[in-house]
C-alpha atoms as a PDB file:
ATOM      1  CA  MET A   1     -18.121   0.167  -0.924  1.00  0.00           C
ATOM      2  CA  ASP A   2     -18.627   3.853  -1.634  1.00  0.00           C
ATOM      3  CA  ARG A   3     -16.124   6.627  -2.245  1.00  0.00           C
ATOM      4  CA  ASN A   4     -16.244   7.955   1.336  1.00  0.00           C
ATOM      5  CA  GLU A   5     -15.454   4.506   2.725  1.00  0.00           C
ATOM      6  CA  LEU A   6     -12.489   4.217   0.352  1.00  0.00           C
ATOM      7  CA  LEU A   7     -11.216   7.605   1.538  1.00  0.00           C
ATOM      8  CA  GLU A   8     -11.617   6.603   5.171  1.00  0.00           C
ATOM      9  CA  LEU A   9      -9.821   3.308   4.599  1.00  0.00           C
ATOM     10  CA  GLU A  10      -6.865   5.122   3.021  1.00  0.00           C
ATOM     11  CA  ILE A  11      -6.683   7.527   5.960  1.00  0.00           C
ATOM     12  CA  LEU A  12      -6.902   4.705   8.511  1.00  0.00           C
ATOM     13  CA  LYS A  13      -4.124   2.797   6.714  1.00  0.00           C
ATOM     14  CA  HIS A  14      -1.931   5.920   6.648  1.00  0.00           C
ATOM     15  CA  VAL A  15      -2.506   6.736  10.332  1.00  0.00           C
ATOM     16  CA  GLU A  16      -1.684   3.156  11.268  1.00  0.00           C
ATOM     17  CA  GLN A  17       1.765   3.663   9.682  1.00  0.00           C
ATOM     18  CA  SER A  18       2.394   7.272  10.716  1.00  0.00           C
ATOM     19  CA  PRO A  19       0.519   9.727  12.965  1.00  0.00           C
ATOM     20  CA  LYS A  20       1.774  12.692  10.941  1.00  0.00           C
ATOM     21  CA  LEU A  21      -1.084  13.846   8.744  1.00  0.00           C
ATOM     22  CA  ASN A  22      -2.529  17.214   7.842  1.00  0.00           C
ATOM     23  CA  ASN A  23      -5.271  18.333   5.486  1.00  0.00           C
ATOM     24  CA  ARG A  24      -2.901  18.977   2.580  1.00  0.00           C
ATOM     25  CA  MET A  25      -1.120  15.642   2.966  1.00  0.00           C
ATOM     26  CA  ALA A  26      -4.462  13.826   3.150  1.00  0.00           C
ATOM     27  CA  ALA A  27      -5.752  15.677   0.076  1.00  0.00           C
ATOM     28  CA  ARG A  28      -2.622  14.759  -1.911  1.00  0.00           C
ATOM     29  CA  LYS A  29      -2.706  11.142  -0.796  1.00  0.00           C
ATOM     30  CA  LEU A  30      -6.419  10.754  -1.570  1.00  0.00           C
ATOM     31  CA  GLY A  31      -6.492  12.826  -4.749  1.00  0.00           C
ATOM     32  CA  VAL A  32      -9.235  15.103  -3.403  1.00  0.00           C
ATOM     33  CA  SER A  33      -9.594  18.754  -2.425  1.00  0.00           C
ATOM     34  CA  VAL A  34      -8.178  20.036   0.873  1.00  0.00           C
ATOM     35  CA  LYS A  35     -11.740  20.902   1.916  1.00  0.00           C
ATOM     36  CA  LEU A  36     -12.945  17.309   1.401  1.00  0.00           C
ATOM     37  CA  ALA A  37      -9.879  15.899   3.162  1.00  0.00           C
ATOM     38  CA  HIS A  38     -10.513  18.220   6.132  1.00  0.00           C
ATOM     39  CA  ALA A  39     -14.204  17.265   6.289  1.00  0.00           C
ATOM     40  CA  THR A  40     -13.346  13.553   6.144  1.00  0.00           C
ATOM     41  CA  LEU A  41     -10.741  13.824   8.915  1.00  0.00           C
ATOM     42  CA  ARG A  42     -13.103  15.893  11.086  1.00  0.00           C
ATOM     43  CA  LYS A  43     -15.927  13.389  10.579  1.00  0.00           C
ATOM     44  CA  MET A  44     -13.622  10.485  11.495  1.00  0.00           C
ATOM     45  CA  VAL A  45     -12.550  12.247  14.713  1.00  0.00           C
ATOM     46  CA  THR A  46     -16.191  13.008  15.581  1.00  0.00           C
ATOM     47  CA  ARG A  47     -17.153   9.372  15.012  1.00  0.00           C
ATOM     48  CA  GLY A  48     -14.356   8.288  17.356  1.00  0.00           C
ATOM     49  CA  LEU A  49     -12.253   6.508  14.730  1.00  0.00           C
ATOM     50  CA  LEU A  50      -9.267   8.816  15.214  1.00  0.00           C
ATOM     51  CA  HIS A  51      -7.816  10.646  18.161  1.00  0.00           C
ATOM     52  CA  VAL A  52      -6.055  13.892  17.352  1.00  0.00           C
ATOM     53  CA  LYS A  53      -3.211  15.467  19.297  1.00  0.00           C
ATOM     54  CA  LYS A  54      -2.375  19.059  18.401  1.00  0.00           C
ATOM     55  CA  GLU A  55       1.397  19.529  18.580  1.00  0.00           C
ATOM     56  CA  HIS A  56       1.252  23.160  17.360  1.00  0.00           C
ATOM     57  CA  ALA A  57      -0.745  25.245  14.846  1.00  0.00           C
ATOM     58  CA  ARG A  58       0.591  23.367  11.803  1.00  0.00           C
ATOM     59  CA  ARG A  59       1.184  19.932  13.270  1.00  0.00           C
ATOM     60  CA  TRP A  60      -1.562  17.592  14.308  1.00  0.00           C
ATOM     61  CA  ASP A  61      -0.914  13.932  14.960  1.00  0.00           C
ATOM     62  CA  TYR A  62      -3.654  11.366  14.466  1.00  0.00           C
ATOM     63  CA  PHE A  63      -3.917   8.004  16.215  1.00  0.00           C
ATOM     64  CA  LEU A  64      -6.243   5.057  15.674  1.00  0.00           C
ATOM     65  CA  THR A  65      -8.722   4.455  18.452  1.00  0.00           C
ATOM     66  CA  PRO A  66     -10.056   0.959  19.202  1.00  0.00           C
ATOM     67  CA  SER A  67     -13.117   1.927  17.130  1.00  0.00           C
ATOM     68  CA  GLY A  68     -10.776   3.047  14.346  1.00  0.00           C
ATOM     69  CA  ILE A  69      -8.984  -0.303  14.379  1.00  0.00           C
ATOM     70  CA  ALA A  70     -12.331  -2.135  14.192  1.00  0.00           C
ATOM     71  CA  GLU A  71     -13.503   0.135  11.351  1.00  0.00           C
ATOM     72  CA  LYS A  72     -10.259  -0.391   9.433  1.00  0.00           C
ATOM     73  CA  THR A  73     -10.749  -4.154   9.732  1.00  0.00           C
ATOM     74  CA  ARG A  74     -14.361  -3.886   8.528  1.00  0.00           C
ATOM     75  CA  LEU A  75     -13.475  -1.598   5.615  1.00  0.00           C
ATOM     76  CA  THR A  76     -10.531  -3.809   4.618  1.00  0.00           C
ATOM     77  CA  TYR A  77     -12.820  -6.843   4.507  1.00  0.00           C
ATOM     78  CA  GLU A  78     -15.402  -4.912   2.438  1.00  0.00           C
ATOM     79  CA  PHE A  79     -12.663  -3.694   0.094  1.00  0.00           C
ATOM     80  CA  LEU A  80     -11.364  -7.230  -0.443  1.00  0.00           C
ATOM     81  CA  ASP A  81     -14.896  -8.508  -1.030  1.00  0.00           C
ATOM     82  CA  PHE A  82     -15.573  -5.672  -3.495  1.00  0.00           C
ATOM     83  CA  SER A  83     -12.229  -6.304  -5.234  1.00  0.00           C
ATOM     84  CA  PHE A  84     -13.035  -9.992  -5.647  1.00  0.00           C
ATOM     85  CA  GLN A  85     -16.455  -9.174  -7.104  1.00  0.00           C
ATOM     86  CA  PHE A  86     -14.967  -6.484  -9.366  1.00  0.00           C
ATOM     87  CA  TYR A  87     -12.283  -8.785 -10.789  1.00  0.00           C
ATOM     88  CA  HIS A  88     -14.765 -11.646 -11.193  1.00  0.00           C
ATOM     89  CA  GLU A  89     -17.100  -9.330 -13.135  1.00  0.00           C
ATOM     90  CA  ALA A  90     -14.167  -7.922 -15.135  1.00  0.00           C
ATOM     91  CA  ARG A  91     -13.061 -11.445 -16.097  1.00  0.00           C
ATOM     92  CA  LYS A  92     -16.563 -12.415 -17.205  1.00  0.00           C
ATOM     93  CA  ARG A  93     -17.143  -9.211 -19.198  1.00  0.00           C
ATOM     94  CA  SER A  94     -13.690  -9.177 -20.776  1.00  0.00           C
ATOM     95  CA  ALA A  95     -14.084 -12.787 -21.945  1.00  0.00           C
ATOM     96  CA  GLN A  96     -17.422 -11.846 -23.525  1.00  0.00           C
ATOM     97  CA  LEU A  97     -15.860  -8.783 -25.161  1.00  0.00           C
ATOM     98  CA  CYS A  98     -13.032 -10.881 -26.636  1.00  0.00           C
ATOM     99  CA  ARG A  99     -15.571 -13.429 -27.855  1.00  0.00           C
ATOM    100  CA  ASN A 100     -17.613 -10.681 -29.534  1.00  0.00           C
ATOM    101  CA  LEU A 101     -14.494  -9.289 -31.237  1.00  0.00           C
ATOM    102  CA  ALA A 102     -13.395 -12.742 -32.454  1.00  0.00           C
ATOM    103  CA  GLU A 103     -16.868 -13.598 -33.735  1.00  0.00           C
ATOM    104  CA  ARG A 104     -17.098 -10.369 -35.728  1.00  0.00           C
ATOM    105  CA  GLY A 105     -13.811 -11.233 -37.420  1.00  0.00           C
ATOM    106  CA  ASP A 106     -11.271  -9.126 -35.542  1.00  0.00           C
ATOM    107  CA  LYS A 107      -7.876 -10.814 -35.353  1.00  0.00           C
ATOM    108  CA  THR A 108      -5.671  -8.250 -33.618  1.00  0.00           C
ATOM    109  CA  VAL A 109      -6.167  -6.134 -30.500  1.00  0.00           C
ATOM    110  CA  ALA A 110      -4.244  -3.440 -28.673  1.00  0.00           C
ATOM    111  CA  PHE A 111      -4.555  -2.556 -24.992  1.00  0.00           C
ATOM    112  CA  LEU A 112      -4.917   0.920 -23.578  1.00  0.00           C
ATOM    113  CA  GLY A 113      -3.340   0.278 -20.182  1.00  0.00           C
ATOM    114  CA  ALA A 114      -0.923  -2.333 -18.852  1.00  0.00           C
ATOM    115  CA  GLY A 115      -2.105  -2.864 -15.272  1.00  0.00           C
ATOM    116  CA  GLU A 116      -4.130  -5.533 -13.480  1.00  0.00           C
ATOM    117  CA  MET A 117      -7.128  -5.093 -15.789  1.00  0.00           C
ATOM    118  CA  ALA A 118      -4.912  -5.798 -18.801  1.00  0.00           C
ATOM    119  CA  GLU A 119      -3.804  -9.066 -17.178  1.00  0.00           C
ATOM    120  CA  ILE A 120      -7.451 -10.076 -16.768  1.00  0.00           C
ATOM    121  CA  VAL A 121      -8.353  -9.095 -20.349  1.00  0.00           C
ATOM    122  CA  TYR A 122      -5.315 -10.956 -21.666  1.00  0.00           C
ATOM    123  CA  LEU A 123      -6.900 -14.227 -20.494  1.00  0.00           C
ATOM    124  CA  GLY A 124      -9.798 -13.571 -22.892  1.00  0.00           C
ATOM    125  CA  VAL A 125      -7.409 -12.633 -25.698  1.00  0.00           C
ATOM    126  CA  VAL A 126      -5.654 -15.998 -25.359  1.00  0.00           C
ATOM    127  CA  GLU A 127      -8.928 -17.887 -24.929  1.00  0.00           C
ATOM    128  CA  TRP A 128     -10.404 -16.422 -28.132  1.00  0.00           C
ATOM    129  CA  LYS A 129      -7.155 -16.662 -30.098  1.00  0.00           C
ATOM    130  CA  LEU A 130      -6.773 -12.948 -30.693  1.00  0.00           C
ATOM    131  CA  GLN A 131      -3.313 -11.470 -31.219  1.00  0.00           C
ATOM    132  CA  LEU A 132      -2.101  -8.674 -28.945  1.00  0.00           C
ATOM    133  CA  THR A 133      -0.182  -6.310 -31.228  1.00  0.00           C
ATOM    134  CA  GLY A 134       0.257  -3.220 -29.068  1.00  0.00           C
ATOM    135  CA  VAL A 135       0.064  -1.930 -25.510  1.00  0.00           C
ATOM    136  CA  TYR A 136      -0.207   1.792 -24.728  1.00  0.00           C
ATOM    137  CA  ASP A 137       0.396   3.123 -21.223  1.00  0.00           C
ATOM    138  CA  GLN A 138       1.939   6.407 -20.146  1.00  0.00           C
ATOM    139  CA  ASP A 139       3.318   5.259 -16.805  1.00  0.00           C
ATOM    140  CA  LYS A 140       4.816   1.976 -18.046  1.00  0.00           C
ATOM    141  CA  ALA A 141       6.111   3.062 -21.470  1.00  0.00           C
ATOM    142  CA  GLY A 142       9.439   1.474 -22.329  1.00  0.00           C
ATOM    143  CA  GLY A 143       8.627  -1.767 -20.519  1.00  0.00           C
ATOM    144  CA  SER A 144       6.788  -4.778 -21.854  1.00  0.00           C
ATOM    145  CA  PHE A 145       3.525  -6.587 -21.217  1.00  0.00           C
ATOM    146  CA  MET A 146       3.308 -10.297 -22.100  1.00  0.00           C
ATOM    147  CA  SER A 147       6.321  -9.835 -24.425  1.00  0.00           C
ATOM    148  CA  THR A 148       4.649  -6.881 -26.173  1.00  0.00           C
ATOM    149  CA  PRO A 149       6.494  -3.543 -25.915  1.00  0.00           C
ATOM    150  CA  ILE A 150       4.617  -0.801 -24.060  1.00  0.00           C
ATOM    151  CA  THR A 151       4.335   2.389 -26.083  1.00  0.00           C
ATOM    152  CA  PRO A 152       3.500   5.859 -24.702  1.00  0.00           C
ATOM    153  CA  LEU A 153      -0.207   6.651 -24.599  1.00  0.00           C
ATOM    154  CA  SER A 154       0.253   9.542 -27.019  1.00  0.00           C
ATOM    155  CA  ALA A 155       0.918   7.026 -29.844  1.00  0.00           C
ATOM    156  CA  ILE A 156      -2.441   5.263 -29.524  1.00  0.00           C
ATOM    157  CA  ALA A 157      -3.841   7.200 -32.501  1.00  0.00           C
ATOM    158  CA  THR A 158      -1.431   5.217 -34.711  1.00  0.00           C
ATOM    159  CA  ALA A 159      -2.540   1.795 -33.442  1.00  0.00           C
ATOM    160  CA  THR A 160      -3.035  -0.619 -36.343  1.00  0.00           C
ATOM    161  CA  ALA A 161      -4.936  -3.298 -34.407  1.00  0.00           C
ATOM    162  CA  ASP A 162      -8.492  -4.170 -35.429  1.00  0.00           C
ATOM    163  CA  ALA A 163      -9.707  -3.175 -31.956  1.00  0.00           C
ATOM    164  CA  ILE A 164      -8.407  -1.306 -28.915  1.00  0.00           C
ATOM    165  CA  ILE A 165      -9.518  -2.656 -25.541  1.00  0.00           C
ATOM    166  CA  VAL A 166      -9.504  -0.038 -22.793  1.00  0.00           C
ATOM    167  CA  CYS A 167      -7.839  -1.705 -19.798  1.00  0.00           C
ATOM    168  CA  GLN A 168      -7.802   1.312 -17.524  1.00  0.00           C
ATOM    169  CA  TYR A 169     -10.562   2.299 -15.139  1.00  0.00           C
ATOM    170  CA  ASN A 170     -11.485   5.035 -12.720  1.00  0.00           C
ATOM    171  CA  LYS A 171     -10.105   3.844  -9.381  1.00  0.00           C
ATOM    172  CA  GLN A 172     -12.715   5.853  -7.439  1.00  0.00           C
ATOM    173  CA  HIS A 173     -15.581   4.361  -9.495  1.00  0.00           C
ATOM    174  CA  PRO A 174     -14.176   1.181 -11.075  1.00  0.00           C
ATOM    175  CA  MET A 175     -17.210   0.196 -13.143  1.00  0.00           C
ATOM    176  CA  THR A 176     -17.656   3.589 -14.802  1.00  0.00           C
ATOM    177  CA  ALA A 177     -18.691   3.081 -18.417  1.00  0.00           C
ATOM    178  CA  HIS A 178     -16.485   4.447 -21.216  1.00  0.00           C
ATOM    179  CA  TYR A 179     -13.712   5.690 -18.912  1.00  0.00           C
ATOM    180  CA  LEU A 180     -10.672   7.176 -20.672  1.00  0.00           C
ATOM    181  CA  PRO A 181      -7.544   8.670 -19.117  1.00  0.00           C
ATOM    182  CA  GLU A 182      -7.179  12.415 -19.450  1.00  0.00           C
ATOM    183  CA  GLY A 183      -5.956  13.519 -22.881  1.00  0.00           C
ATOM    184  CA  VAL A 184      -7.078  10.397 -24.765  1.00  0.00           C
ATOM    185  CA  THR A 185      -9.590  10.943 -27.572  1.00  0.00           C
ATOM    186  CA  PRO A 186     -12.251   8.258 -28.047  1.00  0.00           C
ATOM    187  CA  SER A 187     -11.992   6.205 -31.224  1.00  0.00           C
ATOM    188  CA  PRO A 188     -14.483   3.893 -32.984  1.00  0.00           C
ATOM    189  CA  LYS A 189     -11.900   1.112 -32.498  1.00  0.00           C
ATOM    190  CA  MET A 190     -12.145   1.375 -28.706  1.00  0.00           C
ATOM    191  CA  HIS A 191     -14.043  -1.170 -26.640  1.00  0.00           C
ATOM    192  CA  TRP A 192     -14.586  -1.134 -22.879  1.00  0.00           C
ATOM    193  CA  VAL A 193     -14.891  -4.006 -20.432  1.00  0.00           C
ATOM    194  CA  PHE A 194     -17.471  -1.946 -18.535  1.00  0.00           C
ATOM    195  CA  ALA A 195     -19.552  -0.373 -21.291  1.00  0.00           C
END
């Protein structure tokens, strides 16, 4: 599933819930430029996936057409299939990464990120008897992950673990190698599931 299909799926899901959508709203929702959002919406109307009703100069309502409903179903199926493959590959690679760390003598690990990827990686940590000593995540700081307190991302430079496993990924391109969130400096301690 490519980036354009992901954008279209998000638009189709939004329009199914609410017809109110403009270029700026679409750009914000998708995390893209207004120009790209406009081009995507225009292409979807041209392809017959959406019907547009112009209420006035600043208000356009979008509705799913029968073709749009069929395309949303197809894209949803592809997304679920891709997600299954992605998580299967992430589980396999994270287990191998944990094995490599354990075999080289590392005992402790920290996670950069506390989302779904961290849950997958944690299975490898348990399997290879590594100890999770820290979790760093900006959005979830103050909470906990598997009984380990979540610390703000800015404190990752002080991590004392033998290795830091990067458990965040680019949502637009999930298998991007060496992905780091904005503002995080790479460290020799860091290891990626998708390297």
